[in-house]
Amino acid sequence: MTPPNDRRVRRTLGALQGALLALMAERDYDSIGVSDIIERADVGRSTFYNHYTDKADLLQDCLAGLQEVARVPPSTGGGHFAFSLPLLTHANEQRQLAQALNNRFAAGPPLADITAILDAALRAELASTGESGASRDAHASFLAGGFLFLLSWWLRQDEPGTPDDIDRLFREFAGGGA
């Protein structure tokens, strides 16, 4: 088995992830098949299945970076909602792709996965403040939805403002803290 830090493996994984993201920018996630992904990535079917069980597994790998950013603890100096600015900065750095994906994320697995990532980060943050149970879960879902709607709005603007501007808006709308 080839080690995961092997340059060829990284290149292949990058090609597969890039292919899925590019296809998602062009059409609905549900209409994309593994054959579309491997054709776009220019890899064989066995290579795909050597690394992933299905396209959902590949999508999870694509979202792994978002999961890492969303887990930024408040103790890093970002205060409450420490995930917000890094996620906004990431979206801004990939703005053209983020805009294309935003147009396709009205529903479906990608949106559900991103919502789950934010929801988990927010539940953990709210738990650290002592909030628990159904109140914490509802609060986290409310904030995750608000963040995603604000992100979606921002990506549609002709003169969008900076990630810092949108981060300030989110924190203000969310009540300034958890």
N, C-alpha and C. Protein backbone atom coordinates (compact mmCIF):
# COMPACT_ATOMS: atom_id res chain seq x y z
N MET A 1 0.84 -1.19 0.00
CA MET A 1 0.00 0.00 0.00
C MET A 1 0.88 1.24 0.00
N THR A 2 0.49 2.22 -0.76
CA THR A 2 1.24 3.47 -0.87
C THR A 2 0.95 4.35 0.35
N PRO A 3 2.01 4.90 0.96
CA PRO A 3 1.79 5.75 2.14
C PRO A 3 0.95 6.98 1.78
N PRO A 4 0.08 7.43 2.72
CA PRO A 4 -0.79 8.58 2.44
C PRO A 4 -0.05 9.88 2.19
N ASN A 5 1.19 9.98 2.67
CA ASN A 5 1.94 11.22 2.44
C ASN A 5 2.75 11.17 1.15
N ASP A 6 2.58 10.12 0.39
CA ASP A 6 3.24 9.99 -0.90
C ASP A 6 2.73 11.07 -1.85
N ARG A 7 3.63 11.70 -2.55
CA ARG A 7 3.30 12.80 -3.46
C ARG A 7 2.27 12.37 -4.51
N ARG A 8 2.39 11.15 -5.02
CA ARG A 8 1.44 10.67 -6.03
C ARG A 8 0.04 10.52 -5.45
N VAL A 9 -0.03 10.05 -4.21
CA VAL A 9 -1.33 9.90 -3.56
C VAL A 9 -1.97 11.27 -3.34
N ARG A 10 -1.17 12.22 -2.85
CA ARG A 10 -1.69 13.57 -2.64
C ARG A 10 -2.20 14.18 -3.94
N ARG A 11 -1.46 13.95 -5.02
CA ARG A 11 -1.86 14.48 -6.33
C ARG A 11 -3.17 13.83 -6.79
N THR A 12 -3.28 12.52 -6.60
CA THR A 12 -4.51 11.81 -6.99
C THR A 12 -5.70 12.27 -6.16
N LEU A 13 -5.52 12.37 -4.84
CA LEU A 13 -6.61 12.82 -3.97
C LEU A 13 -7.02 14.24 -4.34
N GLY A 14 -6.04 15.08 -4.61
CA GLY A 14 -6.34 16.46 -5.03
C GLY A 14 -7.11 16.50 -6.33
N ALA A 15 -6.74 15.63 -7.28
CA ALA A 15 -7.44 15.59 -8.56
C ALA A 15 -8.88 15.13 -8.37
N LEU A 16 -9.09 14.12 -7.54
CA LEU A 16 -10.45 13.63 -7.29
C LEU A 16 -11.30 14.68 -6.58
N GLN A 17 -10.73 15.33 -5.56
CA GLN A 17 -11.46 16.36 -4.85
C GLN A 17 -11.77 17.54 -5.77
N GLY A 18 -10.79 17.96 -6.54
CA GLY A 18 -11.00 19.06 -7.47
C GLY A 18 -12.06 18.73 -8.50
N ALA A 19 -12.06 17.49 -8.97
CA ALA A 19 -13.06 17.07 -9.96
C ALA A 19 -14.46 17.14 -9.37
N LEU A 20 -14.63 16.62 -8.14
CA LEU A 20 -15.96 16.67 -7.53
C LEU A 20 -16.41 18.11 -7.33
N LEU A 21 -15.54 18.96 -6.80
CA LEU A 21 -15.92 20.35 -6.57
C LEU A 21 -16.26 21.07 -7.87
N ALA A 22 -15.47 20.82 -8.91
CA ALA A 22 -15.75 21.46 -10.20
C ALA A 22 -17.08 20.98 -10.76
N LEU A 23 -17.36 19.69 -10.64
CA LEU A 23 -18.63 19.17 -11.13
C LEU A 23 -19.80 19.72 -10.31
N MET A 24 -19.61 19.87 -9.01
CA MET A 24 -20.67 20.43 -8.16
C MET A 24 -20.94 21.88 -8.50
N ALA A 25 -19.94 22.58 -9.00
CA ALA A 25 -20.15 23.97 -9.42
C ALA A 25 -20.94 24.04 -10.72
N GLU A 26 -20.94 22.94 -11.47
CA GLU A 26 -21.64 22.91 -12.76
C GLU A 26 -23.05 22.35 -12.69
N ARG A 27 -23.25 21.40 -11.76
CA ARG A 27 -24.56 20.74 -11.71
C ARG A 27 -24.83 20.18 -10.33
N ASP A 28 -26.04 19.68 -10.14
CA ASP A 28 -26.46 19.18 -8.84
C ASP A 28 -25.64 17.96 -8.41
N TYR A 29 -25.36 17.90 -7.14
CA TYR A 29 -24.59 16.81 -6.55
C TYR A 29 -25.20 15.45 -6.90
N ASP A 30 -26.53 15.34 -6.79
CA ASP A 30 -27.19 14.06 -7.02
C ASP A 30 -27.04 13.56 -8.45
N SER A 31 -26.77 14.46 -9.39
CA SER A 31 -26.62 14.05 -10.79
C SER A 31 -25.19 13.63 -11.14
N ILE A 32 -24.28 13.73 -10.19
CA ILE A 32 -22.88 13.40 -10.43
C ILE A 32 -22.62 11.95 -10.04
N GLY A 33 -22.03 11.21 -10.94
CA GLY A 33 -21.68 9.82 -10.66
C GLY A 33 -20.17 9.65 -10.53
N VAL A 34 -19.77 8.52 -9.99
CA VAL A 34 -18.34 8.22 -9.86
C VAL A 34 -17.68 8.27 -11.23
N SER A 35 -18.37 7.79 -12.25
CA SER A 35 -17.79 7.81 -13.60
C SER A 35 -17.49 9.25 -14.06
N ASP A 36 -18.36 10.20 -13.68
CA ASP A 36 -18.11 11.61 -14.02
C ASP A 36 -16.86 12.12 -13.30
N ILE A 37 -16.74 11.74 -12.05
CA ILE A 37 -15.60 12.20 -11.23
C ILE A 37 -14.29 11.65 -11.78
N ILE A 38 -14.25 10.35 -12.05
CA ILE A 38 -12.98 9.76 -12.51
C ILE A 38 -12.61 10.26 -13.91
N GLU A 39 -13.63 10.52 -14.72
CA GLU A 39 -13.35 11.08 -16.05
C GLU A 39 -12.74 12.47 -15.92
N ARG A 40 -13.33 13.31 -15.07
CA ARG A 40 -12.83 14.68 -14.87
C ARG A 40 -11.44 14.66 -14.24
N ALA A 41 -11.21 13.75 -13.29
CA ALA A 41 -9.92 13.68 -12.60
C ALA A 41 -8.86 12.94 -13.42
N ASP A 42 -9.31 12.25 -14.46
CA ASP A 42 -8.42 11.46 -15.31
C ASP A 42 -7.69 10.38 -14.51
N VAL A 43 -8.47 9.64 -13.74
CA VAL A 43 -7.94 8.49 -12.99
C VAL A 43 -8.85 7.28 -13.27
N GLY A 44 -8.33 6.12 -12.98
CA GLY A 44 -9.10 4.90 -13.19
C GLY A 44 -10.10 4.65 -12.07
N ARG A 45 -11.10 3.85 -12.37
CA ARG A 45 -12.13 3.49 -11.39
C ARG A 45 -11.51 2.80 -10.17
N SER A 46 -10.56 1.89 -10.42
CA SER A 46 -9.94 1.19 -9.29
C SER A 46 -9.15 2.16 -8.41
N THR A 47 -8.58 3.19 -9.01
CA THR A 47 -7.86 4.20 -8.23
C THR A 47 -8.84 4.94 -7.32
N PHE A 48 -9.99 5.30 -7.87
CA PHE A 48 -11.01 5.96 -7.05
C PHE A 48 -11.37 5.09 -5.85
N TYR A 49 -11.70 3.83 -6.12
CA TYR A 49 -12.15 2.93 -5.05
C TYR A 49 -11.01 2.49 -4.13
N ASN A 50 -9.79 2.73 -4.55
CA ASN A 50 -8.65 2.49 -3.68
C ASN A 50 -8.61 3.50 -2.53
N HIS A 51 -9.21 4.68 -2.78
CA HIS A 51 -9.18 5.76 -1.79
C HIS A 51 -10.53 6.07 -1.17
N TYR A 52 -11.62 5.83 -1.89
CA TYR A 52 -12.95 6.20 -1.42
C TYR A 52 -13.95 5.07 -1.66
N THR A 53 -14.94 4.98 -0.79
CA THR A 53 -15.98 3.96 -0.97
C THR A 53 -17.05 4.42 -1.96
N ASP A 54 -17.31 5.74 -2.00
CA ASP A 54 -18.32 6.30 -2.90
C ASP A 54 -18.13 7.81 -2.95
N LYS A 55 -18.99 8.49 -3.68
CA LYS A 55 -18.82 9.94 -3.83
C LYS A 55 -19.11 10.67 -2.51
N ALA A 56 -19.95 10.10 -1.65
CA ALA A 56 -20.22 10.73 -0.35
C ALA A 56 -18.95 10.71 0.50
N ASP A 57 -18.19 9.64 0.41
CA ASP A 57 -16.91 9.54 1.13
C ASP A 57 -15.94 10.60 0.61
N LEU A 58 -15.91 10.78 -0.70
CA LEU A 58 -15.08 11.82 -1.31
C LEU A 58 -15.53 13.20 -0.85
N LEU A 59 -16.83 13.43 -0.81
CA LEU A 59 -17.35 14.72 -0.35
C LEU A 59 -16.91 14.99 1.08
N GLN A 60 -16.98 13.98 1.93
CA GLN A 60 -16.53 14.15 3.32
C GLN A 60 -15.06 14.55 3.37
N ASP A 61 -14.25 13.96 2.50
CA ASP A 61 -12.83 14.32 2.45
C ASP A 61 -12.66 15.77 2.00
N CYS A 62 -13.48 16.19 1.04
CA CYS A 62 -13.43 17.59 0.58
C CYS A 62 -13.79 18.55 1.71
N LEU A 63 -14.69 18.13 2.57
CA LEU A 63 -15.16 18.99 3.66
C LEU A 63 -14.30 18.89 4.92
N ALA A 64 -13.30 18.02 4.90
CA ALA A 64 -12.45 17.83 6.09
C ALA A 64 -11.77 19.14 6.50
N GLY A 65 -11.35 19.93 5.53
CA GLY A 65 -10.72 21.21 5.85
C GLY A 65 -11.68 22.15 6.56
N LEU A 66 -12.94 22.13 6.15
CA LEU A 66 -13.94 22.95 6.83
C LEU A 66 -14.15 22.48 8.26
N GLN A 67 -14.11 21.17 8.46
CA GLN A 67 -14.27 20.64 9.81
C GLN A 67 -13.15 21.12 10.71
N GLU A 68 -11.92 21.14 10.18
CA GLU A 68 -10.78 21.62 10.98
C GLU A 68 -10.94 23.10 11.33
N VAL A 69 -11.33 23.91 10.34
CA VAL A 69 -11.52 25.34 10.58
C VAL A 69 -12.65 25.57 11.58
N ALA A 70 -13.72 24.80 11.46
CA ALA A 70 -14.88 24.98 12.34
C ALA A 70 -14.59 24.58 13.78
N ARG A 71 -13.56 23.79 13.99
CA ARG A 71 -13.23 23.34 15.35
C ARG A 71 -12.28 24.30 16.08
N VAL A 72 -12.05 25.48 15.53
CA VAL A 72 -11.16 26.44 16.18
C VAL A 72 -11.73 26.79 17.54
N PRO A 73 -11.00 26.47 18.61
CA PRO A 73 -11.56 26.77 19.94
C PRO A 73 -11.50 28.26 20.25
N PRO A 74 -12.47 28.77 21.03
CA PRO A 74 -12.47 30.18 21.39
C PRO A 74 -11.18 30.62 22.08
N SER A 75 -10.48 29.69 22.70
CA SER A 75 -9.26 30.03 23.42
C SER A 75 -8.13 30.47 22.50
N THR A 76 -8.29 30.37 21.17
CA THR A 76 -7.24 30.78 20.25
C THR A 76 -7.21 32.29 20.04
N GLY A 77 -8.08 33.01 20.71
CA GLY A 77 -8.08 34.46 20.59
C GLY A 77 -9.22 34.97 19.73
N GLY A 78 -9.97 34.07 19.11
CA GLY A 78 -11.08 34.49 18.26
C GLY A 78 -12.34 34.76 19.03
N GLY A 79 -12.34 34.49 20.35
CA GLY A 79 -13.53 34.69 21.15
C GLY A 79 -14.61 33.71 20.75
N HIS A 80 -15.85 34.07 21.07
CA HIS A 80 -16.97 33.24 20.65
C HIS A 80 -17.05 33.21 19.13
N PHE A 81 -17.53 32.13 18.61
CA PHE A 81 -17.68 31.94 17.17
C PHE A 81 -16.35 32.08 16.44
N ALA A 82 -15.31 31.48 17.00
CA ALA A 82 -13.97 31.57 16.44
C ALA A 82 -13.89 30.97 15.04
N PHE A 83 -14.82 30.10 14.68
CA PHE A 83 -14.83 29.48 13.36
C PHE A 83 -15.21 30.48 12.26
N SER A 84 -15.95 31.52 12.60
CA SER A 84 -16.57 32.40 11.63
C SER A 84 -15.57 33.06 10.68
N LEU A 85 -14.61 33.78 11.20
CA LEU A 85 -13.68 34.51 10.33
C LEU A 85 -12.84 33.56 9.48
N PRO A 86 -12.28 32.46 10.03
CA PRO A 86 -11.53 31.55 9.16
C PRO A 86 -12.39 30.94 8.03
N LEU A 87 -13.64 30.61 8.31
CA LEU A 87 -14.51 30.07 7.26
C LEU A 87 -14.82 31.12 6.20
N LEU A 88 -15.08 32.34 6.64
CA LEU A 88 -15.35 33.42 5.70
C LEU A 88 -14.12 33.74 4.85
N THR A 89 -12.95 33.72 5.48
CA THR A 89 -11.71 33.97 4.76
C THR A 89 -11.47 32.88 3.72
N HIS A 90 -11.71 31.63 4.11
CA HIS A 90 -11.56 30.50 3.18
C HIS A 90 -12.52 30.67 2.00
N ALA A 91 -13.77 30.99 2.26
CA ALA A 91 -14.75 31.18 1.19
C ALA A 91 -14.33 32.33 0.28
N ASN A 92 -13.78 33.39 0.86
CA ASN A 92 -13.36 34.55 0.07
C ASN A 92 -12.16 34.20 -0.81
N GLU A 93 -11.24 33.40 -0.29
CA GLU A 93 -10.07 32.99 -1.06
C GLU A 93 -10.48 32.12 -2.25
N GLN A 94 -11.57 31.39 -2.11
CA GLN A 94 -12.09 30.52 -3.15
C GLN A 94 -13.43 31.07 -3.66
N ARG A 95 -13.53 32.38 -3.74
CA ARG A 95 -14.83 33.04 -3.95
C ARG A 95 -15.57 32.56 -5.20
N GLN A 96 -14.88 32.42 -6.32
CA GLN A 96 -15.56 32.01 -7.55
C GLN A 96 -16.17 30.61 -7.38
N LEU A 97 -15.40 29.69 -6.81
CA LEU A 97 -15.92 28.34 -6.55
C LEU A 97 -17.03 28.38 -5.51
N ALA A 98 -16.83 29.16 -4.45
CA ALA A 98 -17.85 29.26 -3.40
C ALA A 98 -19.16 29.81 -3.96
N GLN A 99 -19.08 30.80 -4.85
CA GLN A 99 -20.29 31.35 -5.46
C GLN A 99 -21.00 30.31 -6.32
N ALA A 100 -20.23 29.57 -7.09
CA ALA A 100 -20.83 28.54 -7.94
C ALA A 100 -21.49 27.46 -7.09
N LEU A 101 -20.80 27.04 -6.03
CA LEU A 101 -21.36 26.02 -5.14
C LEU A 101 -22.58 26.56 -4.40
N ASN A 102 -22.53 27.82 -4.01
CA ASN A 102 -23.66 28.44 -3.31
C ASN A 102 -24.93 28.39 -4.16
N ASN A 103 -24.77 28.57 -5.44
CA ASN A 103 -25.92 28.52 -6.34
C ASN A 103 -26.53 27.13 -6.42
N ARG A 104 -25.77 26.11 -6.08
CA ARG A 104 -26.23 24.73 -6.19
C ARG A 104 -26.60 24.13 -4.83
N PHE A 105 -26.33 24.83 -3.74
CA PHE A 105 -26.52 24.26 -2.40
C PHE A 105 -27.89 24.53 -1.81
N ALA A 106 -28.88 24.82 -2.62
CA ALA A 106 -30.20 25.12 -2.08
C ALA A 106 -30.71 23.97 -1.22
N ALA A 107 -30.27 22.78 -1.51
CA ALA A 107 -30.67 21.60 -0.73
C ALA A 107 -29.70 20.49 -1.07
N GLY A 108 -29.87 19.37 -0.40
CA GLY A 108 -29.10 18.19 -0.75
C GLY A 108 -27.98 17.89 0.22
N PRO A 109 -27.27 16.81 -0.05
CA PRO A 109 -26.22 16.34 0.86
C PRO A 109 -25.12 17.35 1.18
N PRO A 110 -24.59 18.11 0.20
CA PRO A 110 -23.52 19.04 0.57
C PRO A 110 -23.97 20.05 1.63
N LEU A 111 -25.16 20.63 1.46
CA LEU A 111 -25.65 21.60 2.42
C LEU A 111 -25.86 20.95 3.79
N ALA A 112 -26.41 19.76 3.79
CA ALA A 112 -26.64 19.04 5.04
C ALA A 112 -25.32 18.76 5.75
N ASP A 113 -24.30 18.40 4.99
CA ASP A 113 -22.99 18.11 5.58
C ASP A 113 -22.34 19.37 6.16
N ILE A 114 -22.42 20.46 5.43
CA ILE A 114 -21.84 21.71 5.92
C ILE A 114 -22.61 22.20 7.15
N THR A 115 -23.91 22.08 7.12
CA THR A 115 -24.72 22.46 8.28
C THR A 115 -24.34 21.62 9.49
N ALA A 116 -24.13 20.33 9.29
CA ALA A 116 -23.75 19.45 10.40
C ALA A 116 -22.39 19.83 10.98
N ILE A 117 -21.46 20.23 10.13
CA ILE A 117 -20.14 20.66 10.60
C ILE A 117 -20.28 21.89 11.49
N LEU A 118 -21.02 22.88 11.02
CA LEU A 118 -21.21 24.11 11.80
C LEU A 118 -22.00 23.83 13.09
N ASP A 119 -23.03 23.01 12.97
CA ASP A 119 -23.85 22.67 14.12
C ASP A 119 -23.01 22.00 15.21
N ALA A 120 -22.15 21.08 14.84
CA ALA A 120 -21.30 20.39 15.81
C ALA A 120 -20.34 21.38 16.49
N ALA A 121 -19.75 22.26 15.70
CA ALA A 121 -18.83 23.25 16.27
C ALA A 121 -19.56 24.16 17.25
N LEU A 122 -20.75 24.58 16.87
CA LEU A 122 -21.52 25.48 17.73
C LEU A 122 -22.02 24.76 18.99
N ARG A 123 -22.45 23.50 18.86
CA ARG A 123 -22.87 22.75 20.05
C ARG A 123 -21.72 22.63 21.04
N ALA A 124 -20.52 22.35 20.53
CA ALA A 124 -19.36 22.23 21.41
C ALA A 124 -19.06 23.57 22.08
N GLU A 125 -19.14 24.65 21.32
CA GLU A 125 -18.87 25.96 21.91
C GLU A 125 -19.92 26.32 22.96
N LEU A 126 -21.18 26.06 22.65
CA LEU A 126 -22.24 26.38 23.61
C LEU A 126 -22.16 25.50 24.85
N ALA A 127 -21.72 24.26 24.68
CA ALA A 127 -21.54 23.38 25.84
C ALA A 127 -20.46 23.92 26.77
N SER A 128 -19.44 24.57 26.17
CA SER A 128 -18.36 25.13 27.00
C SER A 128 -18.84 26.32 27.82
N THR A 129 -20.01 26.88 27.45
CA THR A 129 -20.57 28.00 28.23
C THR A 129 -21.56 27.51 29.27
N GLY A 130 -21.79 26.18 29.28
CA GLY A 130 -22.71 25.61 30.25
C GLY A 130 -24.10 25.35 29.71
N GLU A 131 -24.35 25.79 28.48
CA GLU A 131 -25.66 25.52 27.89
C GLU A 131 -25.73 24.04 27.53
N SER A 132 -26.86 23.42 27.78
CA SER A 132 -26.95 21.98 27.52
C SER A 132 -28.34 21.59 27.03
N GLY A 133 -28.43 20.34 26.59
CA GLY A 133 -29.70 19.75 26.21
C GLY A 133 -30.32 20.34 24.97
N ALA A 134 -31.64 20.31 24.95
CA ALA A 134 -32.39 20.76 23.78
C ALA A 134 -32.17 22.25 23.50
N SER A 135 -32.01 23.03 24.55
CA SER A 135 -31.76 24.46 24.36
C SER A 135 -30.46 24.69 23.59
N ARG A 136 -29.41 23.98 23.99
CA ARG A 136 -28.12 24.11 23.30
C ARG A 136 -28.25 23.66 21.86
N ASP A 137 -28.91 22.52 21.63
CA ASP A 137 -29.03 21.99 20.27
C ASP A 137 -29.83 22.92 19.37
N ALA A 138 -30.92 23.47 19.89
CA ALA A 138 -31.74 24.41 19.11
C ALA A 138 -30.96 25.70 18.83
N HIS A 139 -30.24 26.18 19.84
CA HIS A 139 -29.44 27.40 19.70
C HIS A 139 -28.37 27.20 18.63
N ALA A 140 -27.70 26.05 18.68
CA ALA A 140 -26.65 25.75 17.71
C ALA A 140 -27.22 25.67 16.29
N SER A 141 -28.36 25.01 16.13
CA SER A 141 -28.99 24.91 14.81
C SER A 141 -29.40 26.28 14.29
N PHE A 142 -29.93 27.11 15.17
CA PHE A 142 -30.33 28.46 14.80
C PHE A 142 -29.11 29.27 14.32
N LEU A 143 -28.03 29.21 15.06
CA LEU A 143 -26.82 29.96 14.69
C LEU A 143 -26.19 29.42 13.41
N ALA A 144 -26.16 28.09 13.25
CA ALA A 144 -25.59 27.49 12.04
C ALA A 144 -26.39 27.94 10.81
N GLY A 145 -27.70 27.89 10.93
CA GLY A 145 -28.55 28.33 9.82
C GLY A 145 -28.34 29.80 9.51
N GLY A 146 -28.26 30.62 10.55
CA GLY A 146 -28.03 32.05 10.35
C GLY A 146 -26.70 32.32 9.68
N PHE A 147 -25.66 31.61 10.10
CA PHE A 147 -24.35 31.79 9.49
C PHE A 147 -24.40 31.41 8.01
N LEU A 148 -25.03 30.29 7.69
CA LEU A 148 -25.09 29.85 6.29
C LEU A 148 -25.91 30.80 5.44
N PHE A 149 -27.00 31.33 5.97
CA PHE A 149 -27.79 32.30 5.20
C PHE A 149 -27.00 33.58 4.99
N LEU A 150 -26.27 34.02 6.00
CA LEU A 150 -25.44 35.22 5.85
C LEU A 150 -24.33 34.97 4.83
N LEU A 151 -23.70 33.82 4.89
CA LEU A 151 -22.66 33.46 3.93
C LEU A 151 -23.23 33.44 2.51
N SER A 152 -24.39 32.84 2.35
CA SER A 152 -25.03 32.77 1.04
C SER A 152 -25.35 34.18 0.51
N TRP A 153 -25.88 35.03 1.38
CA TRP A 153 -26.17 36.41 0.99
C TRP A 153 -24.90 37.11 0.55
N TRP A 154 -23.84 36.96 1.34
CA TRP A 154 -22.56 37.62 1.06
C TRP A 154 -22.00 37.19 -0.29
N LEU A 155 -22.10 35.90 -0.60
CA LEU A 155 -21.57 35.40 -1.86
C LEU A 155 -22.33 35.92 -3.08
N ARG A 156 -23.55 36.39 -2.87
CA ARG A 156 -24.36 36.91 -3.98
C ARG A 156 -24.17 38.41 -4.19
N GLN A 157 -23.43 39.09 -3.34
CA GLN A 157 -23.28 40.55 -3.43
C GLN A 157 -22.25 40.96 -4.48
N ASP A 158 -22.55 42.04 -5.20
CA ASP A 158 -21.60 42.57 -6.17
C ASP A 158 -20.44 43.28 -5.48
N GLU A 159 -20.73 43.97 -4.40
CA GLU A 159 -19.70 44.62 -3.59
C GLU A 159 -19.82 44.05 -2.18
N PRO A 160 -19.21 42.89 -1.97
CA PRO A 160 -19.53 42.10 -0.78
C PRO A 160 -18.96 42.56 0.55
N GLY A 161 -17.94 43.34 0.57
CA GLY A 161 -17.28 43.62 1.84
C GLY A 161 -16.29 42.51 2.13
N THR A 162 -15.55 42.69 3.18
CA THR A 162 -14.47 41.76 3.52
C THR A 162 -14.99 40.66 4.46
N PRO A 163 -14.20 39.60 4.60
CA PRO A 163 -14.55 38.58 5.59
C PRO A 163 -14.69 39.18 6.99
N ASP A 164 -13.85 40.16 7.32
CA ASP A 164 -13.94 40.81 8.64
C ASP A 164 -15.29 41.51 8.81
N ASP A 165 -15.76 42.17 7.73
CA ASP A 165 -17.06 42.85 7.79
C ASP A 165 -18.18 41.86 8.08
N ILE A 166 -18.17 40.73 7.38
CA ILE A 166 -19.24 39.74 7.52
C ILE A 166 -19.13 39.03 8.86
N ASP A 167 -17.91 38.80 9.32
CA ASP A 167 -17.71 38.21 10.64
C ASP A 167 -18.31 39.11 11.72
N ARG A 168 -18.07 40.43 11.61
CA ARG A 168 -18.65 41.39 12.57
C ARG A 168 -20.18 41.34 12.52
N LEU A 169 -20.73 41.27 11.31
CA LEU A 169 -22.19 41.19 11.17
C LEU A 169 -22.73 39.93 11.84
N PHE A 170 -22.09 38.79 11.57
CA PHE A 170 -22.54 37.54 12.17
C PHE A 170 -22.52 37.62 13.70
N ARG A 171 -21.41 38.12 14.24
CA ARG A 171 -21.29 38.22 15.70
C ARG A 171 -22.34 39.17 16.26
N GLU A 172 -22.59 40.27 15.56
CA GLU A 172 -23.62 41.22 16.00
C GLU A 172 -25.00 40.59 15.97
N PHE A 173 -25.32 39.94 14.85
CA PHE A 173 -26.64 39.30 14.70
C PHE A 173 -26.82 38.15 15.69
N ALA A 174 -25.71 37.46 16.00
CA ALA A 174 -25.79 36.30 16.91
C ALA A 174 -25.82 36.73 18.38
N GLY A 175 -25.74 38.01 18.61
CA GLY A 175 -25.82 38.49 19.99
C GLY A 175 -24.48 38.74 20.63
N GLY A 176 -23.42 38.75 19.81
CA GLY A 176 -22.11 39.09 20.33
C GLY A 176 -21.40 37.98 21.06
N GLY A 177 -22.02 36.87 21.27
CA GLY A 177 -21.35 35.78 21.97
C GLY A 177 -22.28 34.63 22.15
N ALA A 178 -21.70 33.55 22.64
CA ALA A 178 -22.50 32.32 22.84
C ALA A 178 -23.20 32.38 24.17
